[in-house]
Amino acid sequence: MTGLSRAMAEKPARRGLSPFPEVMDLQRSLDRLFGGGYITGGESTTSAWQPSVDIFENDSDIVIKVELPEVNRDDVQVNLDDRTLTIRGERKLEFEDKREGYHRIERSYGQFARSFTVPPNINREGLKASYKDGILRVTLPKAEEAKPRQITVE
């Protein structure tokens, strides 16, 4: 969340409505435009909402962590096609028929899709995905030739 959206999110809203809905919509659009995920030149697909993603790397793996609160494990798909890793799913709204009882709905619901271009030096057979406490963790192991090696100086 950027400083502007964080400051706006912290301001109290009157009567359950955002005090600046147009600005918030613009900020979300800019976040989606510039905040698309990447490993090497990643893309973000258009959808109702975009879950937050952390990508980091160590000596043996590239790891993608995706925040998916209240998303059922069975509603998530991870696919690796050529050099594109795609994560799809859906967060369903509970009690859709009783929306009139809500005072505020700020969280996004519906389908999502995130796509990332992965480097060619990935061990495709070692790809792993795990899901715990609303966090999807996708581990892309590096091929042996891509791992750093210690070279002794003689």
N, C-alpha and C. Protein backbone atom coordinates (compact mmCIF):
# COMPACT_ATOMS: atom_id res chain seq x y z
N MET A 1 0.86 -1.16 0.00
CA MET A 1 0.00 0.00 0.00
C MET A 1 0.90 1.22 0.00
N THR A 2 0.63 2.16 -0.88
CA THR A 2 1.44 3.36 -0.97
C THR A 2 1.10 4.31 0.16
N GLY A 3 1.95 5.34 0.33
CA GLY A 3 1.72 6.31 1.40
C GLY A 3 0.38 7.01 1.26
N LEU A 4 0.02 7.36 0.03
CA LEU A 4 -1.26 8.05 -0.19
C LEU A 4 -2.43 7.16 0.17
N SER A 5 -2.42 5.92 -0.33
CA SER A 5 -3.56 5.04 -0.04
C SER A 5 -3.59 4.65 1.44
N ARG A 6 -2.41 4.53 2.08
CA ARG A 6 -2.38 4.19 3.50
C ARG A 6 -2.95 5.35 4.32
N ALA A 7 -2.55 6.58 3.98
CA ALA A 7 -3.05 7.74 4.71
C ALA A 7 -4.55 7.87 4.53
N MET A 8 -5.03 7.59 3.33
CA MET A 8 -6.46 7.70 3.08
C MET A 8 -7.22 6.59 3.77
N ALA A 9 -6.62 5.40 3.83
CA ALA A 9 -7.29 4.27 4.48
C ALA A 9 -7.39 4.49 5.98
N GLU A 10 -6.46 5.26 6.54
CA GLU A 10 -6.47 5.49 7.98
C GLU A 10 -7.44 6.58 8.41
N LYS A 11 -7.90 7.39 7.47
CA LYS A 11 -8.86 8.43 7.81
C LYS A 11 -10.22 7.80 8.07
N PRO A 12 -10.92 8.24 9.11
CA PRO A 12 -12.24 7.67 9.38
C PRO A 12 -13.23 8.09 8.29
N ALA A 13 -14.04 7.15 7.86
CA ALA A 13 -15.05 7.42 6.84
C ALA A 13 -16.37 7.75 7.53
N ARG A 14 -17.15 8.61 6.89
CA ARG A 14 -18.44 8.99 7.45
C ARG A 14 -19.53 8.08 6.93
N ARG A 15 -20.34 7.57 7.81
CA ARG A 15 -21.53 6.79 7.50
C ARG A 15 -21.23 5.62 6.57
N GLY A 16 -20.05 5.02 6.73
CA GLY A 16 -19.73 3.81 5.98
C GLY A 16 -19.30 4.06 4.55
N LEU A 17 -19.10 5.30 4.16
CA LEU A 17 -18.67 5.60 2.80
C LEU A 17 -17.28 6.21 2.84
N SER A 18 -16.47 5.91 1.83
CA SER A 18 -15.15 6.50 1.75
C SER A 18 -15.30 7.99 1.48
N PRO A 19 -14.50 8.84 2.16
CA PRO A 19 -14.64 10.28 1.93
C PRO A 19 -14.17 10.70 0.54
N PHE A 20 -13.33 9.91 -0.11
CA PHE A 20 -12.81 10.24 -1.43
C PHE A 20 -12.85 9.02 -2.35
N PRO A 21 -14.02 8.53 -2.72
CA PRO A 21 -14.08 7.28 -3.49
C PRO A 21 -13.39 7.38 -4.84
N GLU A 22 -13.45 8.55 -5.50
CA GLU A 22 -12.81 8.67 -6.81
C GLU A 22 -11.29 8.56 -6.69
N VAL A 23 -10.73 9.18 -5.64
CA VAL A 23 -9.29 9.12 -5.45
C VAL A 23 -8.86 7.69 -5.12
N MET A 24 -9.65 7.02 -4.30
CA MET A 24 -9.32 5.63 -3.96
C MET A 24 -9.37 4.74 -5.20
N ASP A 25 -10.37 4.93 -6.06
CA ASP A 25 -10.45 4.16 -7.30
C ASP A 25 -9.25 4.43 -8.19
N LEU A 26 -8.85 5.71 -8.29
CA LEU A 26 -7.67 6.08 -9.08
C LEU A 26 -6.42 5.43 -8.50
N GLN A 27 -6.27 5.46 -7.16
CA GLN A 27 -5.10 4.86 -6.53
C GLN A 27 -5.05 3.36 -6.79
N ARG A 28 -6.19 2.69 -6.68
CA ARG A 28 -6.22 1.24 -6.97
C ARG A 28 -5.82 0.96 -8.40
N SER A 29 -6.31 1.79 -9.33
CA SER A 29 -5.97 1.61 -10.74
C SER A 29 -4.48 1.81 -10.98
N LEU A 30 -3.90 2.83 -10.34
CA LEU A 30 -2.46 3.07 -10.49
C LEU A 30 -1.65 1.95 -9.86
N ASP A 31 -2.10 1.45 -8.69
CA ASP A 31 -1.41 0.33 -8.06
C ASP A 31 -1.42 -0.89 -8.97
N ARG A 32 -2.57 -1.15 -9.60
CA ARG A 32 -2.65 -2.29 -10.52
C ARG A 32 -1.76 -2.08 -11.73
N LEU A 33 -1.73 -0.85 -12.25
CA LEU A 33 -0.94 -0.55 -13.44
C LEU A 33 0.55 -0.70 -13.17
N PHE A 34 1.03 -0.12 -12.08
CA PHE A 34 2.46 -0.13 -11.80
C PHE A 34 2.88 -1.21 -10.83
N GLY A 35 1.94 -1.85 -10.17
CA GLY A 35 2.27 -2.83 -9.15
C GLY A 35 2.17 -4.25 -9.63
N GLY A 36 2.14 -4.45 -10.94
CA GLY A 36 2.04 -5.81 -11.47
C GLY A 36 3.24 -6.63 -11.05
N GLY A 37 3.01 -7.89 -10.75
CA GLY A 37 4.08 -8.75 -10.27
C GLY A 37 5.12 -9.02 -11.33
N TYR A 38 6.33 -9.33 -10.90
CA TYR A 38 7.37 -9.67 -11.84
C TYR A 38 8.39 -10.57 -11.19
N ILE A 39 8.96 -11.39 -11.98
CA ILE A 39 10.19 -12.08 -11.63
C ILE A 39 11.22 -11.53 -12.60
N THR A 40 10.97 -11.74 -13.87
CA THR A 40 11.73 -11.05 -14.91
C THR A 40 10.71 -10.57 -15.92
N GLY A 41 10.31 -9.34 -15.81
CA GLY A 41 9.35 -8.76 -16.75
C GLY A 41 7.96 -9.33 -16.59
N GLY A 42 7.38 -9.27 -15.42
CA GLY A 42 6.10 -9.90 -15.16
C GLY A 42 4.91 -9.12 -15.67
N GLU A 43 3.79 -9.81 -15.74
CA GLU A 43 2.55 -9.19 -16.16
C GLU A 43 1.51 -9.39 -15.08
N SER A 44 0.51 -8.57 -15.12
CA SER A 44 -0.63 -8.69 -14.23
C SER A 44 -1.87 -8.70 -15.11
N THR A 45 -2.75 -9.64 -14.92
CA THR A 45 -3.94 -9.69 -15.75
C THR A 45 -5.07 -8.94 -15.09
N THR A 46 -6.03 -8.52 -15.89
CA THR A 46 -7.16 -7.78 -15.38
C THR A 46 -8.12 -8.72 -14.67
N SER A 47 -8.53 -8.34 -13.48
CA SER A 47 -9.50 -9.13 -12.74
C SER A 47 -10.12 -8.25 -11.67
N ALA A 48 -11.05 -8.80 -10.91
CA ALA A 48 -11.77 -8.04 -9.90
C ALA A 48 -10.84 -7.56 -8.79
N TRP A 49 -9.85 -8.34 -8.44
CA TRP A 49 -8.90 -7.94 -7.40
C TRP A 49 -7.57 -8.61 -7.64
N GLN A 50 -6.55 -8.03 -7.11
CA GLN A 50 -5.20 -8.56 -7.26
C GLN A 50 -4.62 -8.84 -5.88
N PRO A 51 -4.41 -10.11 -5.54
CA PRO A 51 -3.80 -10.40 -4.24
C PRO A 51 -2.36 -9.88 -4.19
N SER A 52 -1.93 -9.49 -3.00
CA SER A 52 -0.56 -9.00 -2.80
C SER A 52 0.42 -10.16 -2.93
N VAL A 53 1.60 -9.85 -3.47
CA VAL A 53 2.60 -10.87 -3.76
C VAL A 53 3.96 -10.39 -3.25
N ASP A 54 4.72 -11.30 -2.64
CA ASP A 54 6.13 -11.08 -2.32
C ASP A 54 6.92 -12.08 -3.14
N ILE A 55 8.01 -11.63 -3.76
CA ILE A 55 8.89 -12.52 -4.52
C ILE A 55 10.29 -12.31 -4.00
N PHE A 56 10.94 -13.42 -3.63
CA PHE A 56 12.32 -13.32 -3.17
C PHE A 56 13.08 -14.53 -3.66
N GLU A 57 14.39 -14.43 -3.52
CA GLU A 57 15.28 -15.45 -4.07
C GLU A 57 16.38 -15.75 -3.07
N ASN A 58 16.76 -17.02 -2.99
CA ASN A 58 17.92 -17.40 -2.21
C ASN A 58 18.84 -18.20 -3.13
N ASP A 59 19.84 -18.86 -2.58
CA ASP A 59 20.80 -19.58 -3.43
C ASP A 59 20.17 -20.71 -4.23
N SER A 60 19.12 -21.33 -3.71
CA SER A 60 18.58 -22.51 -4.38
C SER A 60 17.20 -22.33 -5.00
N ASP A 61 16.45 -21.29 -4.61
CA ASP A 61 15.06 -21.16 -5.05
C ASP A 61 14.67 -19.72 -5.35
N ILE A 62 13.60 -19.59 -6.13
CA ILE A 62 12.84 -18.35 -6.23
C ILE A 62 11.51 -18.68 -5.57
N VAL A 63 11.07 -17.82 -4.66
CA VAL A 63 9.85 -18.08 -3.90
C VAL A 63 8.85 -16.95 -4.14
N ILE A 64 7.62 -17.36 -4.40
CA ILE A 64 6.52 -16.40 -4.57
C ILE A 64 5.52 -16.69 -3.46
N LYS A 65 5.23 -15.65 -2.65
CA LYS A 65 4.23 -15.77 -1.60
C LYS A 65 3.06 -14.89 -1.97
N VAL A 66 1.87 -15.47 -1.98
CA VAL A 66 0.66 -14.76 -2.39
C VAL A 66 -0.30 -14.73 -1.21
N GLU A 67 -0.78 -13.54 -0.87
CA GLU A 67 -1.72 -13.36 0.23
C GLU A 67 -3.13 -13.66 -0.27
N LEU A 68 -3.74 -14.71 0.26
CA LEU A 68 -5.07 -15.13 -0.18
C LEU A 68 -5.99 -15.38 1.02
N PRO A 69 -6.28 -14.34 1.80
CA PRO A 69 -7.14 -14.56 2.96
C PRO A 69 -8.54 -14.98 2.55
N GLU A 70 -9.08 -15.93 3.28
CA GLU A 70 -10.42 -16.46 3.06
C GLU A 70 -10.64 -17.03 1.66
N VAL A 71 -9.56 -17.54 1.07
CA VAL A 71 -9.68 -18.25 -0.20
C VAL A 71 -9.44 -19.72 0.09
N ASN A 72 -10.37 -20.56 -0.33
CA ASN A 72 -10.26 -21.99 -0.12
C ASN A 72 -9.15 -22.56 -1.02
N ARG A 73 -8.37 -23.47 -0.48
CA ARG A 73 -7.28 -24.10 -1.22
C ARG A 73 -7.78 -24.70 -2.54
N ASP A 74 -9.00 -25.24 -2.54
CA ASP A 74 -9.55 -25.85 -3.75
C ASP A 74 -9.92 -24.81 -4.81
N ASP A 75 -9.96 -23.54 -4.44
CA ASP A 75 -10.30 -22.47 -5.38
C ASP A 75 -9.07 -21.80 -5.97
N VAL A 76 -7.88 -22.42 -5.81
CA VAL A 76 -6.62 -21.85 -6.31
C VAL A 76 -5.98 -22.83 -7.28
N GLN A 77 -5.49 -22.29 -8.42
CA GLN A 77 -4.77 -23.09 -9.41
C GLN A 77 -3.42 -22.44 -9.68
N VAL A 78 -2.39 -23.27 -9.80
CA VAL A 78 -1.06 -22.80 -10.16
C VAL A 78 -0.63 -23.56 -11.40
N ASN A 79 -0.29 -22.82 -12.46
CA ASN A 79 0.12 -23.44 -13.72
C ASN A 79 1.44 -22.85 -14.20
N LEU A 80 2.32 -23.70 -14.71
CA LEU A 80 3.55 -23.24 -15.34
C LEU A 80 3.50 -23.69 -16.78
N ASP A 81 3.40 -22.72 -17.69
CA ASP A 81 3.31 -23.00 -19.13
C ASP A 81 4.47 -22.29 -19.80
N ASP A 82 5.39 -23.06 -20.35
CA ASP A 82 6.60 -22.52 -20.94
C ASP A 82 7.33 -21.70 -19.88
N ARG A 83 7.36 -20.37 -19.99
CA ARG A 83 8.05 -19.54 -18.99
C ARG A 83 7.07 -18.65 -18.23
N THR A 84 5.77 -18.96 -18.28
CA THR A 84 4.77 -18.16 -17.60
C THR A 84 4.14 -18.95 -16.46
N LEU A 85 4.30 -18.42 -15.25
CA LEU A 85 3.65 -19.00 -14.08
C LEU A 85 2.37 -18.21 -13.84
N THR A 86 1.23 -18.89 -13.80
CA THR A 86 -0.05 -18.24 -13.59
C THR A 86 -0.70 -18.79 -12.33
N ILE A 87 -1.17 -17.87 -11.50
CA ILE A 87 -1.89 -18.23 -10.27
C ILE A 87 -3.29 -17.66 -10.41
N ARG A 88 -4.29 -18.53 -10.37
CA ARG A 88 -5.69 -18.13 -10.52
C ARG A 88 -6.49 -18.62 -9.32
N GLY A 89 -7.60 -17.95 -9.10
CA GLY A 89 -8.48 -18.39 -8.03
C GLY A 89 -9.68 -17.49 -7.89
N GLU A 90 -10.36 -17.68 -6.77
CA GLU A 90 -11.56 -16.89 -6.52
C GLU A 90 -11.77 -16.76 -5.02
N ARG A 91 -12.09 -15.53 -4.60
CA ARG A 91 -12.52 -15.30 -3.22
C ARG A 91 -14.00 -15.01 -3.30
N LYS A 92 -14.77 -15.86 -2.62
CA LYS A 92 -16.23 -15.77 -2.70
C LYS A 92 -16.77 -14.95 -1.53
N LEU A 93 -17.79 -14.15 -1.81
CA LEU A 93 -18.45 -13.35 -0.79
C LEU A 93 -19.40 -14.24 -0.02
N GLU A 94 -19.23 -14.26 1.31
CA GLU A 94 -20.16 -15.01 2.14
C GLU A 94 -21.49 -14.27 2.19
N PHE A 95 -22.54 -14.96 2.30
CA PHE A 95 -23.87 -14.39 2.50
C PHE A 95 -24.21 -13.34 1.44
N GLU A 96 -23.97 -13.66 0.17
CA GLU A 96 -24.24 -12.71 -0.91
C GLU A 96 -25.66 -12.19 -0.89
N ASP A 97 -26.59 -13.03 -0.49
CA ASP A 97 -28.00 -12.63 -0.51
C ASP A 97 -28.37 -11.69 0.64
N LYS A 98 -27.46 -11.47 1.60
CA LYS A 98 -27.77 -10.62 2.76
C LYS A 98 -26.93 -9.35 2.77
N ARG A 99 -26.55 -8.84 1.62
CA ARG A 99 -25.70 -7.66 1.55
C ARG A 99 -26.32 -6.43 2.21
N GLU A 100 -27.63 -6.35 2.26
CA GLU A 100 -28.25 -5.16 2.85
C GLU A 100 -27.93 -5.02 4.33
N GLY A 101 -27.49 -6.09 4.99
CA GLY A 101 -27.12 -6.02 6.40
C GLY A 101 -25.71 -5.47 6.61
N TYR A 102 -24.93 -5.34 5.53
CA TYR A 102 -23.57 -4.83 5.64
C TYR A 102 -23.58 -3.32 5.80
N HIS A 103 -22.66 -2.80 6.58
CA HIS A 103 -22.49 -1.36 6.70
C HIS A 103 -21.41 -0.88 5.73
N ARG A 104 -20.47 -1.77 5.43
CA ARG A 104 -19.38 -1.41 4.54
C ARG A 104 -18.80 -2.67 3.93
N ILE A 105 -18.49 -2.64 2.65
CA ILE A 105 -17.78 -3.73 1.99
C ILE A 105 -16.60 -3.08 1.27
N GLU A 106 -15.41 -3.24 1.85
CA GLU A 106 -14.22 -2.65 1.26
C GLU A 106 -13.33 -3.68 0.61
N ARG A 107 -13.40 -4.92 1.07
CA ARG A 107 -12.54 -5.94 0.49
C ARG A 107 -13.10 -6.37 -0.85
N SER A 108 -12.21 -6.73 -1.75
CA SER A 108 -12.62 -7.16 -3.09
C SER A 108 -12.88 -8.66 -3.10
N TYR A 109 -13.82 -9.04 -3.93
CA TYR A 109 -14.19 -10.45 -4.08
C TYR A 109 -14.22 -10.78 -5.55
N GLY A 110 -14.24 -12.06 -5.84
CA GLY A 110 -14.34 -12.50 -7.22
C GLY A 110 -13.08 -13.22 -7.66
N GLN A 111 -12.97 -13.38 -8.96
CA GLN A 111 -11.85 -14.11 -9.53
C GLN A 111 -10.62 -13.22 -9.61
N PHE A 112 -9.46 -13.87 -9.56
CA PHE A 112 -8.19 -13.16 -9.73
C PHE A 112 -7.28 -14.02 -10.57
N ALA A 113 -6.31 -13.38 -11.18
CA ALA A 113 -5.26 -14.08 -11.93
C ALA A 113 -4.02 -13.22 -11.91
N ARG A 114 -2.89 -13.82 -11.58
CA ARG A 114 -1.59 -13.14 -11.61
C ARG A 114 -0.67 -14.01 -12.46
N SER A 115 0.07 -13.40 -13.36
CA SER A 115 1.01 -14.12 -14.22
C SER A 115 2.40 -13.52 -14.08
N PHE A 116 3.41 -14.38 -14.09
CA PHE A 116 4.80 -13.96 -13.93
C PHE A 116 5.65 -14.70 -14.95
N THR A 117 6.57 -13.99 -15.57
CA THR A 117 7.53 -14.63 -16.46
C THR A 117 8.70 -15.11 -15.61
N VAL A 118 8.99 -16.39 -15.69
CA VAL A 118 10.06 -16.97 -14.87
C VAL A 118 11.31 -17.15 -15.73
N PRO A 119 12.48 -17.11 -15.11
CA PRO A 119 13.71 -17.30 -15.88
C PRO A 119 13.81 -18.73 -16.42
N PRO A 120 14.60 -18.93 -17.46
CA PRO A 120 14.70 -20.26 -18.06
C PRO A 120 15.46 -21.28 -17.21
N ASN A 121 16.20 -20.82 -16.19
CA ASN A 121 17.03 -21.73 -15.39
C ASN A 121 16.29 -22.30 -14.18
N ILE A 122 15.02 -22.64 -14.36
CA ILE A 122 14.21 -23.22 -13.28
C ILE A 122 14.12 -24.73 -13.47
N ASN A 123 14.21 -25.46 -12.38
CA ASN A 123 14.01 -26.91 -12.40
C ASN A 123 12.50 -27.15 -12.37
N ARG A 124 11.89 -27.34 -13.53
CA ARG A 124 10.43 -27.44 -13.65
C ARG A 124 9.86 -28.63 -12.88
N GLU A 125 10.60 -29.71 -12.78
CA GLU A 125 10.09 -30.89 -12.07
C GLU A 125 10.04 -30.68 -10.56
N GLY A 126 10.81 -29.73 -10.05
CA GLY A 126 10.86 -29.50 -8.61
C GLY A 126 9.89 -28.44 -8.11
N LEU A 127 9.06 -27.89 -8.98
CA LEU A 127 8.11 -26.84 -8.60
C LEU A 127 7.20 -27.36 -7.49
N LYS A 128 7.03 -26.53 -6.44
CA LYS A 128 6.17 -26.91 -5.31
C LYS A 128 5.24 -25.75 -4.96
N ALA A 129 4.04 -26.09 -4.53
CA ALA A 129 3.09 -25.08 -4.06
C ALA A 129 2.48 -25.59 -2.76
N SER A 130 2.45 -24.73 -1.75
CA SER A 130 1.83 -25.09 -0.47
C SER A 130 0.93 -23.94 -0.03
N TYR A 131 -0.07 -24.27 0.79
CA TYR A 131 -1.04 -23.27 1.22
C TYR A 131 -1.28 -23.44 2.71
N LYS A 132 -1.02 -22.36 3.46
CA LYS A 132 -1.22 -22.42 4.90
C LYS A 132 -1.56 -21.03 5.41
N ASP A 133 -2.56 -20.94 6.26
CA ASP A 133 -2.95 -19.68 6.91
C ASP A 133 -3.20 -18.55 5.92
N GLY A 134 -3.80 -18.86 4.77
CA GLY A 134 -4.13 -17.84 3.79
C GLY A 134 -2.97 -17.37 2.94
N ILE A 135 -1.84 -18.06 3.02
CA ILE A 135 -0.67 -17.72 2.21
C ILE A 135 -0.33 -18.88 1.28
N LEU A 136 -0.34 -18.59 -0.02
CA LEU A 136 0.12 -19.56 -1.01
C LEU A 136 1.61 -19.33 -1.22
N ARG A 137 2.39 -20.39 -1.10
CA ARG A 137 3.85 -20.30 -1.28
C ARG A 137 4.23 -21.20 -2.45
N VAL A 138 4.72 -20.57 -3.52
CA VAL A 138 5.16 -21.31 -4.70
C VAL A 138 6.68 -21.26 -4.72
N THR A 139 7.31 -22.43 -4.74
CA THR A 139 8.77 -22.52 -4.74
C THR A 139 9.23 -23.03 -6.09
N LEU A 140 10.07 -22.22 -6.73
CA LEU A 140 10.64 -22.56 -8.03
C LEU A 140 12.13 -22.85 -7.82
N PRO A 141 12.51 -24.12 -7.76
CA PRO A 141 13.93 -24.41 -7.53
C PRO A 141 14.77 -24.06 -8.75
N LYS A 142 15.96 -23.55 -8.50
CA LYS A 142 16.87 -23.23 -9.59
C LYS A 142 17.53 -24.51 -10.09
N ALA A 143 17.81 -24.54 -11.37
CA ALA A 143 18.55 -25.67 -11.93
C ALA A 143 19.96 -25.64 -11.35
N GLU A 144 20.61 -26.80 -11.27
CA GLU A 144 21.92 -26.90 -10.65
C GLU A 144 22.92 -25.92 -11.27
N GLU A 145 22.89 -25.76 -12.58
CA GLU A 145 23.86 -24.88 -13.23
C GLU A 145 23.61 -23.41 -12.90
N ALA A 146 22.45 -23.06 -12.38
CA ALA A 146 22.14 -21.67 -12.04
C ALA A 146 22.51 -21.32 -10.61
N LYS A 147 22.78 -22.32 -9.78
CA LYS A 147 23.09 -22.06 -8.37
C LYS A 147 24.51 -21.50 -8.26
N PRO A 148 24.72 -20.56 -7.36
CA PRO A 148 26.07 -20.00 -7.19
C PRO A 148 27.02 -21.05 -6.64
N ARG A 149 28.28 -20.96 -7.06
CA ARG A 149 29.29 -21.90 -6.60
C ARG A 149 30.44 -21.15 -5.95
N GLN A 150 30.98 -21.74 -4.92
CA GLN A 150 32.16 -21.19 -4.26
C GLN A 150 33.37 -21.67 -5.02
N ILE A 151 34.21 -20.74 -5.43
CA ILE A 151 35.42 -21.10 -6.17
C ILE A 151 36.62 -20.75 -5.30
N THR A 152 37.46 -21.74 -5.06
CA THR A 152 38.63 -21.55 -4.23
C THR A 152 39.72 -20.86 -5.04
N VAL A 153 40.29 -19.83 -4.48
CA VAL A 153 41.39 -19.11 -5.13
C VAL A 153 42.69 -19.81 -4.75
N GLU A 154 43.47 -20.18 -5.75
CA GLU A 154 44.72 -20.89 -5.49
C GLU A 154 45.89 -19.96 -5.58
